[in-house]
Amino acid sequence: MKTILLSVACSLLSLLAMAQHETIFSNAKVVGGFGGPITEFGLGNGLTTSYGGGGAVVIGGAFLGGYGLSSFNLNEVIRNNTFDQIELAHGGFWVGYTYQPYKLVHLFSSAKIGWGAVNISTDNFDPFNQRSDQVFVMTPELGLELNVFKWFRVAGTVGYRWVNGTNGDGQYTDEDFSGAISTLTLRFGWFGNKRF
């Protein structure tokens, strides 16, 4: 009898050990990673060009990583131009998805979600005449990506940069830094070799 009970107990334990919990990311596998420069062009509202870069790990057709961007000399976005220099710099999380990334040309979508600052210089760059507003920035985008080599891809997208948190005392607002953008992204790295 003890042998039968011991056999049943061992069988139950082995079944429990074989059972797996289902999770959201149970089938997610890191297949590569990339890094590269990002250039963001303003499409209106007086927005100027931003330069920076980013990198991420590739998980199937998706990616998760970080970015940083900065734009200088934004004086033309301000209607009452009384500043020597205006700079918007931000960085944070970068998430995205490519649909059928194994095809020569495919859909590319991403969102940059970050934090940064609008920095203002008002008197010939005197450090005592500078101010900074902490801002939250979110930029969703959608476009096409071209596979140039297995290790190099070029994406062209359009999107919208939304900025929140400026305190310009009526001289500038969040809307002065928000608007439609187009982005050129160069991605160098390894993107996996399977069709997802």
N, C-alpha and C. Protein backbone atom coordinates (compact mmCIF):
# COMPACT_ATOMS: atom_id res chain seq x y z
N MET A 1 0.82 -1.20 0.00
CA MET A 1 0.00 0.00 0.00
C MET A 1 0.86 1.26 0.00
N LYS A 2 1.94 1.21 0.81
CA LYS A 2 2.84 2.36 0.85
C LYS A 2 3.48 2.58 -0.50
N THR A 3 3.78 1.50 -1.20
CA THR A 3 4.40 1.62 -2.52
C THR A 3 3.45 2.27 -3.52
N ILE A 4 2.17 1.91 -3.45
CA ILE A 4 1.18 2.50 -4.35
C ILE A 4 1.02 3.99 -4.06
N LEU A 5 0.92 4.34 -2.77
CA LEU A 5 0.79 5.75 -2.40
C LEU A 5 2.03 6.54 -2.82
N LEU A 6 3.19 5.96 -2.65
CA LEU A 6 4.43 6.63 -3.04
C LEU A 6 4.48 6.82 -4.55
N SER A 7 4.02 5.81 -5.31
CA SER A 7 3.98 5.92 -6.77
C SER A 7 3.01 7.01 -7.22
N VAL A 8 1.83 7.06 -6.60
CA VAL A 8 0.84 8.08 -6.94
C VAL A 8 1.39 9.47 -6.61
N ALA A 9 2.01 9.61 -5.43
CA ALA A 9 2.58 10.90 -5.03
C ALA A 9 3.67 11.34 -6.00
N CYS A 10 4.54 10.42 -6.40
CA CYS A 10 5.61 10.75 -7.35
C CYS A 10 5.03 11.14 -8.71
N SER A 11 3.97 10.44 -9.14
CA SER A 11 3.33 10.77 -10.41
C SER A 11 2.71 12.15 -10.38
N LEU A 12 2.03 12.49 -9.28
CA LEU A 12 1.43 13.82 -9.14
C LEU A 12 2.50 14.90 -9.13
N LEU A 13 3.58 14.67 -8.41
CA LEU A 13 4.67 15.66 -8.36
C LEU A 13 5.30 15.86 -9.74
N SER A 14 5.48 14.76 -10.48
CA SER A 14 6.07 14.90 -11.81
C SER A 14 5.13 15.65 -12.76
N LEU A 15 3.80 15.42 -12.64
CA LEU A 15 2.83 16.16 -13.45
C LEU A 15 2.85 17.64 -13.10
N LEU A 16 2.93 17.96 -11.81
CA LEU A 16 2.99 19.36 -11.39
C LEU A 16 4.27 20.03 -11.89
N ALA A 17 5.35 19.28 -11.88
CA ALA A 17 6.62 19.84 -12.34
C ALA A 17 6.59 20.12 -13.84
N MET A 18 5.83 19.29 -14.59
CA MET A 18 5.76 19.48 -16.03
C MET A 18 4.79 20.60 -16.41
N ALA A 19 3.83 20.92 -15.57
CA ALA A 19 2.86 21.97 -15.88
C ALA A 19 3.55 23.32 -15.89
N GLN A 20 3.19 24.18 -16.86
CA GLN A 20 3.78 25.51 -16.96
C GLN A 20 2.69 26.56 -16.90
N HIS A 21 3.02 27.65 -16.28
CA HIS A 21 2.09 28.77 -16.23
C HIS A 21 2.13 29.52 -17.56
N GLU A 22 0.97 29.93 -18.05
CA GLU A 22 0.92 30.76 -19.24
C GLU A 22 1.19 32.20 -18.84
N THR A 23 2.05 32.88 -19.61
CA THR A 23 2.36 34.29 -19.34
C THR A 23 2.31 35.06 -20.65
N ILE A 24 2.28 36.37 -20.55
CA ILE A 24 2.22 37.22 -21.74
C ILE A 24 3.46 37.02 -22.60
N PHE A 25 4.64 36.93 -21.96
CA PHE A 25 5.89 36.86 -22.70
C PHE A 25 6.50 35.47 -22.72
N SER A 26 5.70 34.42 -22.52
CA SER A 26 6.25 33.07 -22.45
C SER A 26 6.92 32.65 -23.76
N ASN A 27 6.41 33.13 -24.90
CA ASN A 27 7.00 32.76 -26.19
C ASN A 27 7.92 33.83 -26.75
N ALA A 28 8.12 34.92 -26.01
CA ALA A 28 8.98 36.01 -26.49
C ALA A 28 10.43 35.59 -26.40
N LYS A 29 11.14 35.74 -27.51
CA LYS A 29 12.55 35.40 -27.54
C LYS A 29 13.33 36.56 -28.13
N VAL A 30 14.39 36.94 -27.46
CA VAL A 30 15.26 37.99 -27.97
C VAL A 30 16.01 37.42 -29.17
N VAL A 31 15.85 38.04 -30.33
CA VAL A 31 16.50 37.53 -31.54
C VAL A 31 17.60 38.47 -32.05
N GLY A 32 17.76 39.62 -31.43
CA GLY A 32 18.80 40.53 -31.89
C GLY A 32 18.77 41.86 -31.16
N GLY A 33 19.48 42.81 -31.70
CA GLY A 33 19.55 44.15 -31.13
C GLY A 33 20.09 45.11 -32.17
N PHE A 34 19.90 46.41 -31.95
CA PHE A 34 20.37 47.40 -32.91
C PHE A 34 20.64 48.72 -32.21
N GLY A 35 21.31 49.60 -32.92
CA GLY A 35 21.55 50.97 -32.50
C GLY A 35 21.77 51.82 -33.72
N GLY A 36 21.59 53.12 -33.58
CA GLY A 36 21.84 53.99 -34.72
C GLY A 36 21.32 55.39 -34.53
N PRO A 37 21.63 56.27 -35.49
CA PRO A 37 21.20 57.67 -35.41
C PRO A 37 19.74 57.87 -35.80
N ILE A 38 19.14 58.92 -35.22
CA ILE A 38 17.76 59.31 -35.51
C ILE A 38 17.78 60.80 -35.86
N THR A 39 17.13 61.16 -36.96
CA THR A 39 16.97 62.57 -37.33
C THR A 39 15.48 62.85 -37.47
N GLU A 40 15.03 63.88 -36.77
CA GLU A 40 13.61 64.23 -36.73
C GLU A 40 13.42 65.61 -37.35
N PHE A 41 12.59 65.70 -38.40
CA PHE A 41 12.36 66.95 -39.11
C PHE A 41 10.98 67.49 -38.78
N GLY A 42 10.88 68.78 -38.47
CA GLY A 42 9.59 69.41 -38.23
C GLY A 42 8.84 69.61 -39.54
N LEU A 43 7.55 69.32 -39.53
CA LEU A 43 6.73 69.48 -40.74
C LEU A 43 5.83 70.71 -40.67
N GLY A 44 5.98 71.50 -39.66
CA GLY A 44 5.14 72.68 -39.52
C GLY A 44 5.34 73.29 -38.16
N ASN A 45 4.61 74.36 -37.89
CA ASN A 45 4.65 75.02 -36.59
C ASN A 45 6.03 75.56 -36.25
N GLY A 46 6.90 75.74 -37.26
CA GLY A 46 8.23 76.28 -37.02
C GLY A 46 9.17 75.32 -36.34
N LEU A 47 8.83 74.03 -36.28
CA LEU A 47 9.71 73.06 -35.61
C LEU A 47 10.98 72.86 -36.42
N THR A 48 12.11 72.81 -35.74
CA THR A 48 13.38 72.60 -36.42
C THR A 48 13.80 71.14 -36.30
N THR A 49 14.95 70.83 -36.86
CA THR A 49 15.45 69.45 -36.89
C THR A 49 16.06 69.07 -35.55
N SER A 50 15.77 67.83 -35.14
CA SER A 50 16.35 67.25 -33.92
C SER A 50 17.27 66.11 -34.32
N TYR A 51 18.37 65.97 -33.57
CA TYR A 51 19.34 64.91 -33.84
C TYR A 51 19.54 64.10 -32.57
N GLY A 52 19.82 62.81 -32.76
CA GLY A 52 20.10 61.95 -31.62
C GLY A 52 20.30 60.53 -32.06
N GLY A 53 19.95 59.61 -31.18
CA GLY A 53 20.13 58.21 -31.49
C GLY A 53 19.35 57.34 -30.54
N GLY A 54 19.41 56.05 -30.80
CA GLY A 54 18.70 55.10 -29.95
C GLY A 54 19.18 53.70 -30.20
N GLY A 55 18.72 52.80 -29.36
CA GLY A 55 19.06 51.40 -29.48
C GLY A 55 18.04 50.56 -28.76
N ALA A 56 17.96 49.28 -29.12
CA ALA A 56 16.94 48.42 -28.52
C ALA A 56 17.30 46.95 -28.73
N VAL A 57 16.61 46.10 -27.99
CA VAL A 57 16.68 44.67 -28.24
C VAL A 57 15.48 44.30 -29.11
N VAL A 58 15.68 43.34 -30.01
CA VAL A 58 14.64 42.89 -30.93
C VAL A 58 14.03 41.62 -30.37
N ILE A 59 12.71 41.61 -30.21
CA ILE A 59 11.97 40.47 -29.68
C ILE A 59 10.93 40.09 -30.73
N GLY A 60 11.25 39.12 -31.57
CA GLY A 60 10.37 38.80 -32.69
C GLY A 60 10.32 39.98 -33.64
N GLY A 61 9.12 40.47 -33.94
CA GLY A 61 8.97 41.65 -34.78
C GLY A 61 8.94 42.95 -34.00
N ALA A 62 9.01 42.86 -32.67
CA ALA A 62 8.94 44.05 -31.82
C ALA A 62 10.33 44.44 -31.33
N PHE A 63 10.44 45.65 -30.78
CA PHE A 63 11.69 46.04 -30.13
C PHE A 63 11.39 46.93 -28.93
N LEU A 64 12.33 46.93 -27.99
CA LEU A 64 12.20 47.70 -26.75
C LEU A 64 13.57 48.24 -26.39
N GLY A 65 13.66 49.57 -26.21
CA GLY A 65 14.95 50.17 -25.89
C GLY A 65 14.81 51.60 -25.43
N GLY A 66 15.80 52.41 -25.77
CA GLY A 66 15.83 53.80 -25.35
C GLY A 66 16.33 54.72 -26.45
N TYR A 67 16.10 56.03 -26.26
CA TYR A 67 16.50 57.02 -27.27
C TYR A 67 16.88 58.32 -26.58
N GLY A 68 17.51 59.22 -27.33
CA GLY A 68 17.79 60.58 -26.89
C GLY A 68 17.81 61.51 -28.09
N LEU A 69 17.16 62.67 -27.99
CA LEU A 69 17.10 63.65 -29.09
C LEU A 69 17.28 65.05 -28.56
N SER A 70 17.85 65.92 -29.39
CA SER A 70 18.02 67.32 -28.99
C SER A 70 17.91 68.21 -30.22
N SER A 71 17.27 69.39 -30.06
CA SER A 71 17.20 70.38 -31.12
C SER A 71 17.62 71.72 -30.57
N PHE A 72 18.41 72.46 -31.36
CA PHE A 72 18.96 73.73 -30.95
C PHE A 72 18.39 74.87 -31.79
N ASN A 73 18.55 76.08 -31.28
CA ASN A 73 18.17 77.29 -32.01
C ASN A 73 16.73 77.23 -32.50
N LEU A 74 15.83 77.08 -31.56
CA LEU A 74 14.41 77.02 -31.89
C LEU A 74 13.75 78.40 -31.84
N ASN A 75 14.53 79.44 -32.03
CA ASN A 75 14.00 80.80 -31.87
C ASN A 75 12.80 81.09 -32.75
N GLU A 76 12.75 80.48 -33.94
CA GLU A 76 11.65 80.79 -34.85
C GLU A 76 10.31 80.27 -34.35
N VAL A 77 10.29 79.36 -33.37
CA VAL A 77 9.00 78.86 -32.89
C VAL A 77 8.35 79.85 -31.93
N ILE A 78 9.10 80.83 -31.47
CA ILE A 78 8.59 81.78 -30.49
C ILE A 78 8.16 83.05 -31.21
N ARG A 79 6.93 83.46 -30.97
CA ARG A 79 6.40 84.64 -31.65
C ARG A 79 7.07 85.93 -31.15
N ASN A 80 7.36 86.01 -29.87
CA ASN A 80 8.02 87.18 -29.30
C ASN A 80 9.47 86.82 -29.03
N ASN A 81 10.30 86.93 -30.06
CA ASN A 81 11.67 86.41 -30.02
C ASN A 81 12.57 87.31 -29.17
N THR A 82 12.73 86.98 -27.89
CA THR A 82 13.58 87.75 -27.00
C THR A 82 14.69 86.89 -26.41
N PHE A 83 14.92 85.70 -26.97
CA PHE A 83 15.90 84.77 -26.40
C PHE A 83 17.11 84.63 -27.32
N ASP A 84 18.26 84.35 -26.73
CA ASP A 84 19.47 84.09 -27.51
C ASP A 84 19.47 82.66 -28.05
N GLN A 85 19.03 81.72 -27.24
CA GLN A 85 19.01 80.33 -27.68
C GLN A 85 17.91 79.56 -26.95
N ILE A 86 17.24 78.68 -27.70
CA ILE A 86 16.24 77.80 -27.13
C ILE A 86 16.60 76.38 -27.54
N GLU A 87 16.56 75.45 -26.58
CA GLU A 87 16.91 74.06 -26.86
C GLU A 87 15.85 73.15 -26.25
N LEU A 88 15.43 72.13 -27.01
CA LEU A 88 14.56 71.08 -26.49
C LEU A 88 15.34 69.78 -26.54
N ALA A 89 15.54 69.15 -25.39
CA ALA A 89 16.25 67.88 -25.31
C ALA A 89 15.41 66.90 -24.50
N HIS A 90 15.32 65.66 -24.98
CA HIS A 90 14.53 64.66 -24.27
C HIS A 90 15.03 63.26 -24.60
N GLY A 91 14.73 62.33 -23.72
CA GLY A 91 15.11 60.94 -23.91
C GLY A 91 14.26 60.05 -23.05
N GLY A 92 14.23 58.77 -23.37
CA GLY A 92 13.43 57.84 -22.59
C GLY A 92 13.28 56.51 -23.28
N PHE A 93 12.08 55.95 -23.20
CA PHE A 93 11.80 54.63 -23.75
C PHE A 93 11.45 54.71 -25.23
N TRP A 94 11.87 53.68 -25.97
CA TRP A 94 11.55 53.58 -27.39
C TRP A 94 11.03 52.17 -27.65
N VAL A 95 9.76 52.08 -28.04
CA VAL A 95 9.14 50.79 -28.33
C VAL A 95 8.61 50.81 -29.75
N GLY A 96 8.59 49.64 -30.39
CA GLY A 96 8.11 49.61 -31.76
C GLY A 96 7.82 48.22 -32.25
N TYR A 97 7.28 48.19 -33.47
CA TYR A 97 6.94 46.92 -34.09
C TYR A 97 7.10 47.04 -35.60
N THR A 98 7.67 46.01 -36.21
CA THR A 98 7.78 45.95 -37.67
C THR A 98 6.97 44.76 -38.15
N TYR A 99 6.07 45.02 -39.08
CA TYR A 99 5.21 43.98 -39.63
C TYR A 99 5.92 43.32 -40.80
N GLN A 100 6.08 42.01 -40.73
CA GLN A 100 6.80 41.22 -41.73
C GLN A 100 8.18 41.80 -42.01
N PRO A 101 9.04 41.85 -40.98
CA PRO A 101 10.36 42.49 -41.12
C PRO A 101 11.29 41.78 -42.08
N TYR A 102 10.97 40.57 -42.49
CA TYR A 102 11.81 39.83 -43.43
C TYR A 102 11.62 40.31 -44.87
N LYS A 103 10.55 41.06 -45.16
CA LYS A 103 10.31 41.56 -46.52
C LYS A 103 11.21 42.77 -46.80
N LEU A 104 11.49 43.00 -48.08
CA LEU A 104 12.38 44.09 -48.48
C LEU A 104 11.87 45.43 -47.95
N VAL A 105 10.60 45.72 -48.16
CA VAL A 105 9.97 46.94 -47.63
C VAL A 105 8.80 46.50 -46.77
N HIS A 106 8.71 47.05 -45.57
CA HIS A 106 7.67 46.62 -44.63
C HIS A 106 7.26 47.79 -43.74
N LEU A 107 6.13 47.61 -43.05
CA LEU A 107 5.64 48.65 -42.14
C LEU A 107 6.52 48.75 -40.91
N PHE A 108 6.73 49.99 -40.47
CA PHE A 108 7.54 50.28 -39.27
C PHE A 108 6.73 51.23 -38.40
N SER A 109 6.54 50.88 -37.14
CA SER A 109 5.83 51.76 -36.22
C SER A 109 6.60 51.82 -34.91
N SER A 110 6.55 52.96 -34.26
CA SER A 110 7.22 53.08 -32.97
C SER A 110 6.62 54.22 -32.17
N ALA A 111 6.98 54.27 -30.92
CA ALA A 111 6.60 55.38 -30.04
C ALA A 111 7.77 55.68 -29.11
N LYS A 112 8.11 56.95 -29.04
CA LYS A 112 9.13 57.41 -28.11
C LYS A 112 8.41 58.09 -26.95
N ILE A 113 8.70 57.66 -25.74
CA ILE A 113 8.05 58.20 -24.55
C ILE A 113 9.16 58.61 -23.59
N GLY A 114 9.30 59.93 -23.37
CA GLY A 114 10.44 60.37 -22.59
C GLY A 114 10.21 61.65 -21.82
N TRP A 115 11.27 62.08 -21.19
CA TRP A 115 11.28 63.27 -20.36
C TRP A 115 12.48 64.11 -20.75
N GLY A 116 12.38 65.40 -20.55
CA GLY A 116 13.49 66.27 -20.90
C GLY A 116 13.26 67.68 -20.42
N ALA A 117 13.83 68.63 -21.18
CA ALA A 117 13.76 70.01 -20.75
C ALA A 117 13.78 70.95 -21.94
N VAL A 118 13.11 72.08 -21.78
CA VAL A 118 13.24 73.22 -22.68
C VAL A 118 14.18 74.19 -21.97
N ASN A 119 15.36 74.42 -22.55
CA ASN A 119 16.37 75.30 -21.95
C ASN A 119 16.41 76.62 -22.70
N ILE A 120 16.39 77.72 -21.95
CA ILE A 120 16.34 79.06 -22.52
C ILE A 120 17.55 79.86 -22.04
N SER A 121 18.24 80.52 -22.98
CA SER A 121 19.30 81.48 -22.64
C SER A 121 18.82 82.86 -23.07
N THR A 122 18.91 83.84 -22.17
CA THR A 122 18.35 85.16 -22.46
C THR A 122 19.36 86.29 -22.54
N ASP A 123 20.62 86.05 -22.20
CA ASP A 123 21.58 87.16 -22.19
C ASP A 123 22.96 86.65 -22.58
N ASN A 124 23.18 86.48 -23.87
CA ASN A 124 24.48 86.06 -24.40
C ASN A 124 25.05 84.84 -23.65
N PHE A 125 24.19 83.90 -23.39
CA PHE A 125 24.57 82.62 -22.78
C PHE A 125 25.13 82.78 -21.37
N ASP A 126 24.79 83.86 -20.70
CA ASP A 126 25.20 84.04 -19.30
C ASP A 126 24.49 82.97 -18.46
N PRO A 127 25.25 82.15 -17.70
CA PRO A 127 24.62 81.06 -16.94
C PRO A 127 23.62 81.56 -15.90
N PHE A 128 23.73 82.83 -15.50
CA PHE A 128 22.79 83.37 -14.52
C PHE A 128 21.49 83.85 -15.16
N ASN A 129 21.45 83.86 -16.49
CA ASN A 129 20.24 84.28 -17.20
C ASN A 129 19.71 83.13 -18.05
N GLN A 130 19.64 81.98 -17.45
CA GLN A 130 19.10 80.81 -18.13
C GLN A 130 17.96 80.23 -17.31
N ARG A 131 17.04 79.58 -17.99
CA ARG A 131 15.93 78.91 -17.32
C ARG A 131 15.69 77.58 -17.99
N SER A 132 15.03 76.69 -17.28
CA SER A 132 14.77 75.37 -17.81
C SER A 132 13.39 74.90 -17.35
N ASP A 133 12.58 74.41 -18.28
CA ASP A 133 11.28 73.83 -17.97
C ASP A 133 11.35 72.33 -18.19
N GLN A 134 10.98 71.55 -17.18
CA GLN A 134 10.94 70.10 -17.32
C GLN A 134 9.69 69.71 -18.09
N VAL A 135 9.85 68.83 -19.10
CA VAL A 135 8.73 68.47 -19.97
C VAL A 135 8.62 66.96 -20.13
N PHE A 136 7.42 66.53 -20.50
CA PHE A 136 7.14 65.16 -20.90
C PHE A 136 6.90 65.16 -22.40
N VAL A 137 7.49 64.21 -23.12
CA VAL A 137 7.39 64.18 -24.58
C VAL A 137 6.95 62.78 -25.02
N MET A 138 5.98 62.74 -25.94
CA MET A 138 5.54 61.47 -26.51
C MET A 138 5.44 61.65 -28.03
N THR A 139 6.02 60.70 -28.78
CA THR A 139 6.06 60.80 -30.24
C THR A 139 5.70 59.47 -30.87
N PRO A 140 4.43 59.24 -31.22
CA PRO A 140 4.09 58.05 -32.01
C PRO A 140 4.38 58.31 -33.48
N GLU A 141 4.75 57.24 -34.22
CA GLU A 141 5.08 57.40 -35.63
C GLU A 141 4.77 56.12 -36.39
N LEU A 142 4.56 56.27 -37.71
CA LEU A 142 4.25 55.14 -38.58
C LEU A 142 4.85 55.41 -39.95
N GLY A 143 5.42 54.37 -40.55
CA GLY A 143 6.02 54.56 -41.87
C GLY A 143 6.48 53.25 -42.48
N LEU A 144 7.48 53.34 -43.35
CA LEU A 144 8.03 52.18 -44.05
C LEU A 144 9.50 52.02 -43.73
N GLU A 145 9.95 50.77 -43.75
CA GLU A 145 11.37 50.48 -43.53
C GLU A 145 11.89 49.65 -44.69
N LEU A 146 13.14 49.91 -45.09
CA LEU A 146 13.81 49.22 -46.18
C LEU A 146 14.97 48.41 -45.62
N ASN A 147 15.02 47.11 -45.96
CA ASN A 147 16.16 46.27 -45.58
C ASN A 147 17.27 46.46 -46.60
N VAL A 148 18.34 47.19 -46.24
CA VAL A 148 19.46 47.43 -47.15
C VAL A 148 20.40 46.23 -47.13
N PHE A 149 20.84 45.84 -45.93
CA PHE A 149 21.63 44.64 -45.70
C PHE A 149 20.98 43.89 -44.54
N LYS A 150 21.47 42.68 -44.25
CA LYS A 150 20.93 41.94 -43.10
C LYS A 150 21.17 42.72 -41.81
N TRP A 151 22.20 43.55 -41.78
CA TRP A 151 22.59 44.26 -40.57
C TRP A 151 22.27 45.76 -40.62
N PHE A 152 21.58 46.22 -41.68
CA PHE A 152 21.33 47.66 -41.82
C PHE A 152 19.95 47.90 -42.42
N ARG A 153 19.15 48.74 -41.75
CA ARG A 153 17.80 49.08 -42.21
C ARG A 153 17.60 50.59 -42.12
N VAL A 154 16.78 51.12 -43.04
CA VAL A 154 16.46 52.55 -43.07
C VAL A 154 14.95 52.70 -42.98
N ALA A 155 14.49 53.48 -42.01
CA ALA A 155 13.05 53.70 -41.82
C ALA A 155 12.72 55.17 -42.02
N GLY A 156 11.65 55.44 -42.76
CA GLY A 156 11.12 56.78 -42.92
C GLY A 156 9.69 56.81 -42.39
N THR A 157 9.42 57.72 -41.47
CA THR A 157 8.11 57.73 -40.82
C THR A 157 7.56 59.15 -40.73
N VAL A 158 6.27 59.25 -40.45
CA VAL A 158 5.64 60.50 -40.06
C VAL A 158 4.96 60.27 -38.71
N GLY A 159 4.87 61.33 -37.93
CA GLY A 159 4.28 61.19 -36.61
C GLY A 159 3.93 62.54 -36.02
N TYR A 160 3.74 62.54 -34.73
CA TYR A 160 3.38 63.77 -34.03
C TYR A 160 4.14 63.83 -32.70
N ARG A 161 4.83 64.94 -32.46
CA ARG A 161 5.53 65.14 -31.19
C ARG A 161 4.64 65.96 -30.27
N TRP A 162 4.29 65.39 -29.13
CA TRP A 162 3.44 66.05 -28.13
C TRP A 162 4.30 66.39 -26.92
N VAL A 163 4.34 67.67 -26.58
CA VAL A 163 5.15 68.16 -25.46
C VAL A 163 4.22 68.73 -24.40
N ASN A 164 4.48 68.40 -23.13
CA ASN A 164 3.66 68.89 -22.03
C ASN A 164 4.55 69.29 -20.87
N GLY A 165 4.31 70.47 -20.29
CA GLY A 165 5.02 70.87 -19.09
C GLY A 165 5.76 72.18 -19.16
N THR A 166 5.70 72.90 -20.32
CA THR A 166 6.42 74.17 -20.40
C THR A 166 5.72 75.22 -19.54
N ASN A 167 6.50 76.18 -19.08
CA ASN A 167 5.97 77.27 -18.26
C ASN A 167 6.59 78.56 -18.77
N GLY A 168 6.15 78.97 -19.95
CA GLY A 168 6.77 80.11 -20.61
C GLY A 168 6.21 81.46 -20.22
N ASP A 169 5.36 81.49 -19.21
CA ASP A 169 4.78 82.76 -18.76
C ASP A 169 4.18 83.55 -19.91
N GLY A 170 3.51 82.84 -20.83
CA GLY A 170 2.85 83.51 -21.95
C GLY A 170 3.75 83.76 -23.14
N GLN A 171 5.08 83.60 -22.99
CA GLN A 171 5.99 83.83 -24.11
C GLN A 171 6.06 82.62 -25.03
N TYR A 172 5.88 81.42 -24.49
CA TYR A 172 5.81 80.20 -25.29
C TYR A 172 4.96 79.19 -24.54
N THR A 173 4.41 78.24 -25.30
CA THR A 173 3.51 77.24 -24.72
C THR A 173 3.93 75.84 -25.20
N ASP A 174 3.24 74.83 -24.69
CA ASP A 174 3.49 73.45 -25.14
C ASP A 174 3.29 73.33 -26.65
N GLU A 175 2.31 74.05 -27.19
CA GLU A 175 2.00 73.96 -28.62
C GLU A 175 3.14 74.46 -29.50
N ASP A 176 3.98 75.35 -28.97
CA ASP A 176 5.11 75.84 -29.75
C ASP A 176 6.13 74.74 -30.03
N PHE A 177 6.17 73.71 -29.21
CA PHE A 177 7.13 72.63 -29.37
C PHE A 177 6.48 71.33 -29.84
N SER A 178 5.15 71.33 -29.97
CA SER A 178 4.42 70.15 -30.43
C SER A 178 4.05 70.33 -31.89
N GLY A 179 3.97 69.22 -32.62
CA GLY A 179 3.55 69.30 -34.02
C GLY A 179 3.93 68.07 -34.80
N ALA A 180 3.55 68.07 -36.07
CA ALA A 180 3.83 66.96 -36.97
C ALA A 180 5.32 66.91 -37.28
N ILE A 181 5.85 65.69 -37.36
CA ILE A 181 7.27 65.49 -37.65
C ILE A 181 7.42 64.35 -38.65
N SER A 182 8.54 64.34 -39.35
CA SER A 182 8.96 63.17 -40.12
C SER A 182 10.31 62.75 -39.57
N THR A 183 10.58 61.45 -39.62
CA THR A 183 11.80 60.93 -39.00
C THR A 183 12.53 59.99 -39.94
N LEU A 184 13.85 60.12 -39.97
CA LEU A 184 14.72 59.18 -40.69
C LEU A 184 15.52 58.43 -39.64
N THR A 185 15.36 57.11 -39.59
CA THR A 185 16.03 56.28 -38.60
C THR A 185 16.91 55.27 -39.30
N LEU A 186 18.19 55.21 -38.92
CA LEU A 186 19.11 54.20 -39.42
C LEU A 186 19.33 53.18 -38.32
N ARG A 187 19.09 51.91 -38.62
CA ARG A 187 19.23 50.86 -37.60
C ARG A 187 20.33 49.89 -38.04
N PHE A 188 21.38 49.78 -37.22
CA PHE A 188 22.49 48.87 -37.47
C PHE A 188 22.47 47.79 -36.39
N GLY A 189 22.52 46.53 -36.80
CA GLY A 189 22.54 45.47 -35.80
C GLY A 189 22.13 44.13 -36.37
N TRP A 190 21.59 43.29 -35.51
CA TRP A 190 21.13 41.95 -35.89
C TRP A 190 19.65 41.88 -35.60
N PHE A 191 18.86 41.46 -36.58
CA PHE A 191 17.41 41.49 -36.47
C PHE A 191 16.78 40.10 -36.49
N GLY A 192 17.57 39.08 -36.34
CA GLY A 192 17.05 37.70 -36.37
C GLY A 192 17.02 37.19 -37.79
N ASN A 193 16.85 35.87 -37.92
CA ASN A 193 16.86 35.27 -39.25
C ASN A 193 15.64 34.41 -39.52
N LYS A 194 14.56 34.62 -38.75
CA LYS A 194 13.35 33.84 -38.93
C LYS A 194 12.19 34.73 -39.33
N ARG A 195 11.20 34.14 -39.94
CA ARG A 195 9.96 34.85 -40.24
C ARG A 195 9.02 34.70 -39.08
N PHE A 196 8.51 35.82 -38.56
CA PHE A 196 7.61 35.77 -37.39
C PHE A 196 6.19 35.99 -37.85
